[in-house]
Amino acid sequence: MYAMVLTAPGAPLQFQEREDPAPGAGSVRVKVGACGVCRTDLHVVDGELPGIRYPIIPGHEVVGRVESLGAGVTALKIGQRVGIPWLGYTCGECPYCKSGRENLCDRPLFTGYTRDGGFATHLVADARYCFPLGEAGDDVAIAPLLCAGLIGWRSLVMAGEGKHLGIFGFGAAGHIIAQVARWQGRSVYAFTRTGDLEAQALAKSLGACWTGASDEQPPVPLDAAIIYAPVGSLVPLALRAVRKGGRVVCAGIHMSDIPSFPYNILWEERQLLSVANLTRNDGVEFFKIAAQAGIKTHTTAFPLREANEVLTRLRSGQITGAAVLQP
């Protein structure tokens, strides 16, 4: 197999040849067809997440085909197309797992963070955490759904059912969830970096009723706002944009520090929430919704060897929609 390997925090990924991994009991080896590039991959590469053991292969928006079965795997078949998400294993024994909140598991493993991911030609995954995808759709188009879509869906559910929805950071997750929200009959207000006309144009093409810079006020008070950009200074801006009783949902795994803000913008029963990871049930629900809503991802495909260039472009805001690597 070939892989882009992270050997130290902040180091460029190295293109390496390795032996094909052998799946252990309960696992499968998957031949990668496409792997989306997520902002969380940047946090892994930049060493902003704790507990990374090097070397590690990033990537957690994986679409591929089962190539080999480990002992005891009966739910998947060789040749079957599957999706592999961020959540790669949970213990099943802690209070969170037992209460249906496996996204908060005390002893989880995460694809591309604490176990090798999809910036490679092959990877091994726990069979229980692989989503059967069927044959409809293209690998590249589907890949962003495995995190941007899944985490986006969980954040949309947490935002509640209000009609006026603000999306701060109109990238991979934002452009997917805007489509779901419009399908649900909501009005979408897209907030981007100042001067990012390309992202604003994408938002308008997907049905956003208003676009603007993140420090602008929308024309109406929002029922809820979701923050996908990992920028803590957006939290006070979003709180100012939502109505009394409104919600602000922080959807990233990592965010820069939130600056101090006056209590009066949180008062009047506004809520500030965070999303942590996903559950397998989120995947079951979302893939049904994605099919019904006719979600179309806006993607740009790159060869696997160009992973470093793609990460650099993502870091500087030069990716519109989602970037996807192909081995």
Protein backbone atom coordinates (compact mmCIF):
# COMPACT_ATOMS: atom_id res chain seq x y z
CA MET A 1 0.00 0.00 0.00
CA TYR A 2 0.92 3.66 -0.35
CA ALA A 3 0.07 6.36 2.16
CA MET A 4 0.64 9.98 3.11
CA VAL A 5 2.10 9.69 6.62
CA LEU A 6 2.38 12.30 9.37
CA THR A 7 5.61 11.69 11.32
CA ALA A 8 5.62 14.72 13.64
CA PRO A 9 3.34 17.65 14.48
CA GLY A 10 3.44 20.29 11.76
CA ALA A 11 5.64 18.20 9.47
CA PRO A 12 4.76 17.71 5.80
CA LEU A 13 3.09 14.40 5.09
CA GLN A 14 5.50 11.82 3.64
CA PHE A 15 4.55 9.57 0.74
CA GLN A 16 5.49 6.06 1.91
CA GLU A 17 5.15 2.49 0.71
CA ARG A 18 4.06 -0.04 3.32
CA GLU A 19 2.87 -3.62 3.45
CA ASP A 20 -0.87 -4.01 3.01
CA PRO A 21 -2.44 -4.08 6.51
CA ALA A 22 -4.05 -7.33 7.65
CA PRO A 23 -7.47 -7.05 9.28
CA GLY A 24 -7.77 -8.51 12.76
CA ALA A 25 -10.86 -10.09 14.26
CA GLY A 26 -13.94 -7.96 13.66
CA SER A 27 -12.15 -5.74 11.14
CA VAL A 28 -11.96 -5.37 7.37
CA ARG A 29 -9.33 -4.11 4.96
CA VAL A 30 -10.74 -1.54 2.58
CA LYS A 31 -9.29 -0.42 -0.74
CA VAL A 32 -9.76 3.35 -0.78
CA GLY A 33 -11.59 4.91 -3.71
CA ALA A 34 -11.69 8.45 -2.34
CA CYS A 35 -11.04 10.29 0.91
CA GLY A 36 -12.33 13.75 1.68
CA VAL A 37 -10.05 16.34 3.25
CA CYS A 38 -11.61 17.81 6.38
CA ARG A 39 -10.58 20.76 8.50
CA THR A 40 -10.06 18.30 11.35
CA ASP A 41 -7.25 16.80 9.27
CA LEU A 42 -5.56 20.19 9.57
CA HIS A 43 -5.91 20.05 13.36
CA VAL A 44 -4.29 16.59 13.32
CA VAL A 45 -1.45 17.68 11.04
CA ASP A 46 -0.84 20.87 13.01
CA GLY A 47 -0.72 18.99 16.33
CA GLU A 48 -3.70 20.86 17.75
CA LEU A 49 -5.42 17.72 19.05
CA PRO A 50 -4.13 15.84 22.10
CA GLY A 51 -2.84 12.29 22.29
CA ILE A 52 -1.58 11.82 18.72
CA ARG A 53 0.88 8.94 18.39
CA TYR A 54 3.22 9.25 15.44
CA PRO A 55 3.44 8.12 12.74
CA ILE A 56 -0.24 8.39 11.80
CA ILE A 57 -2.10 8.42 8.50
CA PRO A 58 -4.80 11.15 8.48
CA GLY A 59 -8.14 11.05 6.69
CA HIS A 60 -11.62 10.14 7.93
CA GLU A 61 -14.04 10.70 5.04
CA VAL A 62 -13.34 7.40 3.34
CA VAL A 63 -15.19 5.63 0.54
CA GLY A 64 -13.86 2.30 -0.61
CA ARG A 65 -14.50 -1.39 -1.15
CA VAL A 66 -14.02 -4.25 1.26
CA GLU A 67 -10.98 -6.23 0.14
CA SER A 68 -10.42 -8.64 3.04
CA LEU A 69 -12.45 -9.84 6.03
CA GLY A 70 -11.12 -10.42 9.53
CA ALA A 71 -12.33 -13.30 11.66
CA GLY A 72 -15.95 -13.05 12.72
CA VAL A 73 -17.06 -10.46 10.17
CA THR A 74 -20.38 -11.53 8.65
CA ALA A 75 -22.25 -8.25 8.06
CA LEU A 76 -20.00 -7.12 5.19
CA LYS A 77 -18.89 -8.84 1.99
CA ILE A 78 -15.78 -8.66 -0.15
CA GLY A 79 -16.30 -6.09 -2.91
CA GLN A 80 -18.98 -4.20 -0.99
CA ARG A 81 -18.71 -0.41 -1.06
CA VAL A 82 -18.55 1.17 2.39
CA GLY A 83 -18.00 4.52 4.03
CA ILE A 84 -15.65 4.92 7.00
CA PRO A 85 -16.30 7.94 9.27
CA TRP A 86 -14.45 9.78 12.03
CA LEU A 87 -15.75 7.55 14.82
CA GLY A 88 -13.85 4.28 14.37
CA TYR A 89 -14.49 2.38 17.62
CA THR A 90 -16.28 2.71 20.94
CA CYS A 91 -15.96 0.56 24.03
CA GLY A 92 -19.66 -0.26 24.45
CA GLU A 93 -19.19 -0.43 28.21
CA CYS A 94 -18.88 3.10 29.59
CA PRO A 95 -21.96 5.01 30.85
CA TYR A 96 -22.12 7.03 27.63
CA CYS A 97 -22.14 3.99 25.37
CA LYS A 98 -24.73 2.25 27.52
CA SER A 99 -27.01 5.28 27.44
CA GLY A 100 -26.97 5.61 23.63
CA ARG A 101 -24.36 8.38 23.53
CA GLU A 102 -21.46 6.55 21.95
CA ASN A 103 -20.23 9.84 20.51
CA LEU A 104 -19.08 10.65 24.07
CA CYS A 105 -17.42 7.25 24.70
CA ASP A 106 -14.66 7.30 27.32
CA ARG A 107 -12.37 5.02 25.27
CA PRO A 108 -13.01 5.78 21.59
CA LEU A 109 -10.79 5.47 18.54
CA PHE A 110 -10.97 7.96 15.70
CA THR A 111 -10.14 7.32 12.06
CA GLY A 112 -7.14 9.32 10.90
CA TYR A 113 -6.39 10.56 14.43
CA THR A 114 -5.90 7.67 16.85
CA ARG A 115 -5.95 4.95 14.18
CA ASP A 116 -4.67 5.11 10.62
CA GLY A 117 -7.03 6.74 8.15
CA GLY A 118 -7.78 7.14 4.49
CA PHE A 119 -4.94 9.24 3.04
CA ALA A 120 -3.79 5.91 1.63
CA THR A 121 -4.59 3.21 -0.88
CA HIS A 122 -5.79 0.86 1.89
CA LEU A 123 -6.82 0.95 5.53
CA VAL A 124 -8.18 -1.36 8.20
CA ALA A 125 -11.45 -0.45 9.91
CA ASP A 126 -13.73 -1.96 12.54
CA ALA A 127 -16.51 -3.60 10.53
CA ARG A 128 -19.15 -2.30 12.96
CA TYR A 129 -18.22 1.28 12.07
CA CYS A 130 -18.41 0.92 8.30
CA PHE A 131 -21.55 2.22 6.58
CA PRO A 132 -22.79 0.18 3.59
CA LEU A 133 -23.22 2.70 0.77
CA GLY A 134 -24.77 0.79 -2.11
CA GLU A 135 -23.78 1.51 -5.67
CA ALA A 136 -25.52 4.83 -6.39
CA GLY A 137 -23.28 7.86 -6.71
CA ASP A 138 -19.61 8.56 -7.31
CA ASP A 139 -16.93 7.90 -4.66
CA VAL A 140 -15.61 11.48 -4.84
CA ALA A 141 -19.06 13.00 -4.48
CA ILE A 142 -19.94 10.78 -1.51
CA ALA A 143 -16.70 11.15 0.47
CA PRO A 144 -17.50 14.54 2.12
CA LEU A 145 -20.73 13.09 3.48
CA LEU A 146 -18.72 10.88 5.84
CA CYS A 147 -17.81 13.77 8.14
CA ALA A 148 -18.89 17.14 6.78
CA GLY A 149 -22.30 15.60 6.15
CA LEU A 150 -22.56 13.51 9.32
CA ILE A 151 -21.29 16.13 11.75
CA GLY A 152 -23.29 18.72 9.83
CA TRP A 153 -26.44 16.64 10.26
CA ARG A 154 -25.87 16.23 14.00
CA SER A 155 -25.31 19.97 14.37
CA LEU A 156 -28.47 20.73 12.38
CA VAL A 157 -30.53 18.47 14.63
CA MET A 158 -29.06 20.17 17.70
CA ALA A 159 -29.87 23.58 16.24
CA GLY A 160 -33.58 22.79 16.50
CA GLU A 161 -36.39 23.29 14.03
CA GLY A 162 -36.36 27.07 13.64
CA LYS A 163 -37.01 28.54 10.19
CA HIS A 164 -34.17 31.07 10.03
CA LEU A 165 -30.79 29.29 10.11
CA GLY A 166 -27.39 30.95 10.02
CA ILE A 167 -24.31 29.07 8.80
CA PHE A 168 -20.93 30.53 9.77
CA GLY A 169 -18.22 29.10 7.54
CA PHE A 170 -19.57 27.99 4.19
CA GLY A 171 -17.22 25.15 3.33
CA ALA A 172 -17.65 21.39 3.11
CA ALA A 173 -20.17 21.02 5.94
CA GLY A 174 -21.91 24.32 5.31
CA HIS A 175 -22.69 23.65 1.67
CA ILE A 176 -24.09 20.19 2.47
CA ILE A 177 -26.24 21.25 5.40
CA ALA A 178 -27.56 24.28 3.54
CA GLN A 179 -29.09 21.87 1.05
CA VAL A 180 -30.69 19.80 3.81
CA ALA A 181 -32.04 22.93 5.48
CA ARG A 182 -33.51 24.23 2.23
CA TRP A 183 -35.11 20.82 1.59
CA GLN A 184 -36.66 21.10 5.04
CA GLY A 185 -38.14 24.47 4.10
CA ARG A 186 -35.81 26.67 6.15
CA SER A 187 -34.29 29.99 5.15
CA VAL A 188 -30.49 29.88 5.08
CA TYR A 189 -28.22 32.83 5.88
CA ALA A 190 -24.58 32.17 4.88
CA PHE A 191 -21.71 33.93 6.65
CA THR A 192 -18.25 33.77 5.05
CA ARG A 193 -14.84 35.36 5.34
CA THR A 194 -14.88 38.99 4.30
CA GLY A 195 -14.61 39.20 0.52
CA ASP A 196 -15.06 35.46 -0.12
CA LEU A 197 -17.30 36.03 -3.12
CA GLU A 198 -16.80 32.49 -4.42
CA ALA A 199 -18.21 30.91 -1.25
CA GLN A 200 -21.05 33.43 -1.22
CA ALA A 201 -21.87 32.61 -4.82
CA LEU A 202 -21.95 28.91 -3.97
CA ALA A 203 -24.29 29.63 -1.07
CA LYS A 204 -26.65 31.60 -3.29
CA SER A 205 -26.61 28.86 -5.92
CA LEU A 206 -27.73 26.41 -3.21
CA GLY A 207 -30.66 28.57 -2.17
CA ALA A 208 -29.32 30.83 0.57
CA CYS A 209 -31.60 33.85 0.90
CA TRP A 210 -28.78 36.07 2.23
CA THR A 211 -24.98 36.02 2.21
CA GLY A 212 -22.50 38.27 3.91
CA ALA A 213 -19.32 38.59 5.94
CA SER A 214 -19.24 37.03 9.40
CA ASP A 215 -19.32 40.42 11.13
CA GLU A 216 -22.46 41.54 9.30
CA GLN A 217 -25.93 41.35 10.80
CA PRO A 218 -28.52 39.29 8.92
CA PRO A 219 -31.73 41.04 7.85
CA VAL A 220 -33.79 39.13 10.46
CA PRO A 221 -32.96 37.62 13.86
CA LEU A 222 -31.94 33.99 13.45
CA ASP A 223 -33.62 31.10 15.20
CA ALA A 224 -30.29 29.28 15.29
CA ALA A 225 -26.75 29.53 14.01
CA ILE A 226 -24.19 26.80 13.36
CA ILE A 227 -20.49 27.63 13.43
CA TYR A 228 -18.36 25.40 11.20
CA ALA A 229 -15.29 27.63 11.03
CA PRO A 230 -12.86 26.91 13.93
CA VAL A 231 -12.77 30.56 14.95
CA GLY A 232 -13.72 31.41 18.52
CA SER A 233 -14.36 35.07 17.74
CA LEU A 234 -17.42 33.98 15.73
CA VAL A 235 -19.24 32.91 18.89
CA PRO A 236 -20.12 36.44 20.09
CA LEU A 237 -21.06 37.42 16.53
CA ALA A 238 -23.40 34.45 16.25
CA LEU A 239 -24.96 35.14 19.65
CA ARG A 240 -25.71 38.69 18.54
CA ALA A 241 -27.36 37.35 15.39
CA VAL A 242 -29.82 34.96 17.09
CA ARG A 243 -33.13 35.92 18.61
CA LYS A 244 -34.17 35.54 22.23
CA GLY A 245 -34.26 31.82 23.02
CA GLY A 246 -32.11 31.07 19.96
CA ARG A 247 -29.27 28.58 19.75
CA VAL A 248 -25.66 28.77 18.65
CA VAL A 249 -24.07 25.40 17.86
CA CYS A 250 -20.27 25.03 17.65
CA ALA A 251 -19.72 22.13 15.28
CA GLY A 252 -15.94 21.72 15.14
CA ILE A 253 -13.72 19.42 17.16
CA HIS A 254 -11.26 22.26 17.72
CA MET A 255 -11.75 26.02 17.93
CA SER A 256 -9.53 28.96 18.77
CA ASP A 257 -10.20 30.63 22.10
CA ILE A 258 -13.56 32.33 22.50
CA PRO A 259 -13.07 35.97 23.52
CA SER A 260 -14.90 37.43 26.48
CA PHE A 261 -18.29 38.88 25.65
CA PRO A 262 -21.02 40.77 27.54
CA TYR A 263 -23.55 38.60 29.32
CA ASN A 264 -26.45 40.43 27.69
CA ILE A 265 -25.85 38.70 24.33
CA LEU A 266 -26.23 35.31 26.02
CA TRP A 267 -29.08 36.40 28.28
CA GLU A 268 -32.75 35.98 27.31
CA GLU A 269 -32.30 32.20 27.24
CA ARG A 270 -29.97 32.01 24.28
CA GLN A 271 -28.10 28.70 24.25
CA LEU A 272 -24.49 27.92 23.35
CA LEU A 273 -23.90 24.25 22.50
CA SER A 274 -21.13 22.06 21.11
CA VAL A 275 -21.23 18.95 18.92
CA ALA A 276 -18.93 16.06 19.74
CA ASN A 277 -18.27 13.40 17.12
CA LEU A 278 -21.19 11.30 15.84
CA THR A 279 -23.07 8.09 16.47
CA ARG A 280 -23.71 5.27 14.05
CA ASN A 281 -27.39 6.15 14.23
CA ASP A 282 -26.53 9.64 12.94
CA GLY A 283 -25.15 7.90 9.86
CA VAL A 284 -28.23 5.77 9.36
CA GLU A 285 -30.48 8.84 9.62
CA PHE A 286 -28.34 11.13 7.51
CA PHE A 287 -27.81 8.84 4.54
CA LYS A 288 -31.58 8.40 4.29
CA ILE A 289 -32.05 12.18 4.38
CA ALA A 290 -29.24 12.78 1.88
CA ALA A 291 -30.91 10.48 -0.62
CA GLN A 292 -34.35 12.03 -0.11
CA ALA A 293 -33.03 15.59 -0.31
CA GLY A 294 -30.91 14.89 -3.39
CA ILE A 295 -27.73 16.29 -1.83
CA LYS A 296 -25.08 17.22 -4.39
CA THR A 297 -21.60 17.92 -3.09
CA HIS A 298 -19.37 20.56 -4.66
CA THR A 299 -15.98 18.82 -4.82
CA THR A 300 -12.52 19.17 -6.31
CA ALA A 301 -10.50 15.96 -6.67
CA PHE A 302 -6.72 15.76 -6.24
CA PRO A 303 -4.19 12.91 -6.49
CA LEU A 304 -3.17 11.40 -3.14
CA ARG A 305 0.39 12.69 -3.53
CA GLU A 306 -0.91 16.28 -3.49
CA ALA A 307 -2.27 16.01 0.06
CA ASN A 308 0.19 18.60 1.42
CA GLU A 309 -0.81 21.14 -1.22
CA VAL A 310 -4.49 20.51 -0.54
CA LEU A 311 -4.02 21.03 3.21
CA THR A 312 -2.19 24.29 2.53
CA ARG A 313 -5.01 25.51 0.30
CA LEU A 314 -7.61 24.51 2.87
CA ARG A 315 -5.73 26.33 5.62
CA SER A 316 -5.68 29.55 3.59
CA GLY A 317 -9.33 29.33 2.55
CA GLN A 318 -8.62 28.52 -1.10
CA ILE A 319 -10.95 25.50 -1.26
CA THR A 320 -14.57 26.11 -2.21
CA GLY A 321 -16.86 23.29 -1.17
CA ALA A 322 -14.87 20.14 -0.39
CA ALA A 323 -11.51 18.72 -1.47
CA VAL A 324 -11.16 14.98 -2.05
CA LEU A 325 -8.03 12.83 -2.48
CA GLN A 326 -7.96 9.87 -4.86
CA PRO A 327 -5.28 7.17 -4.61
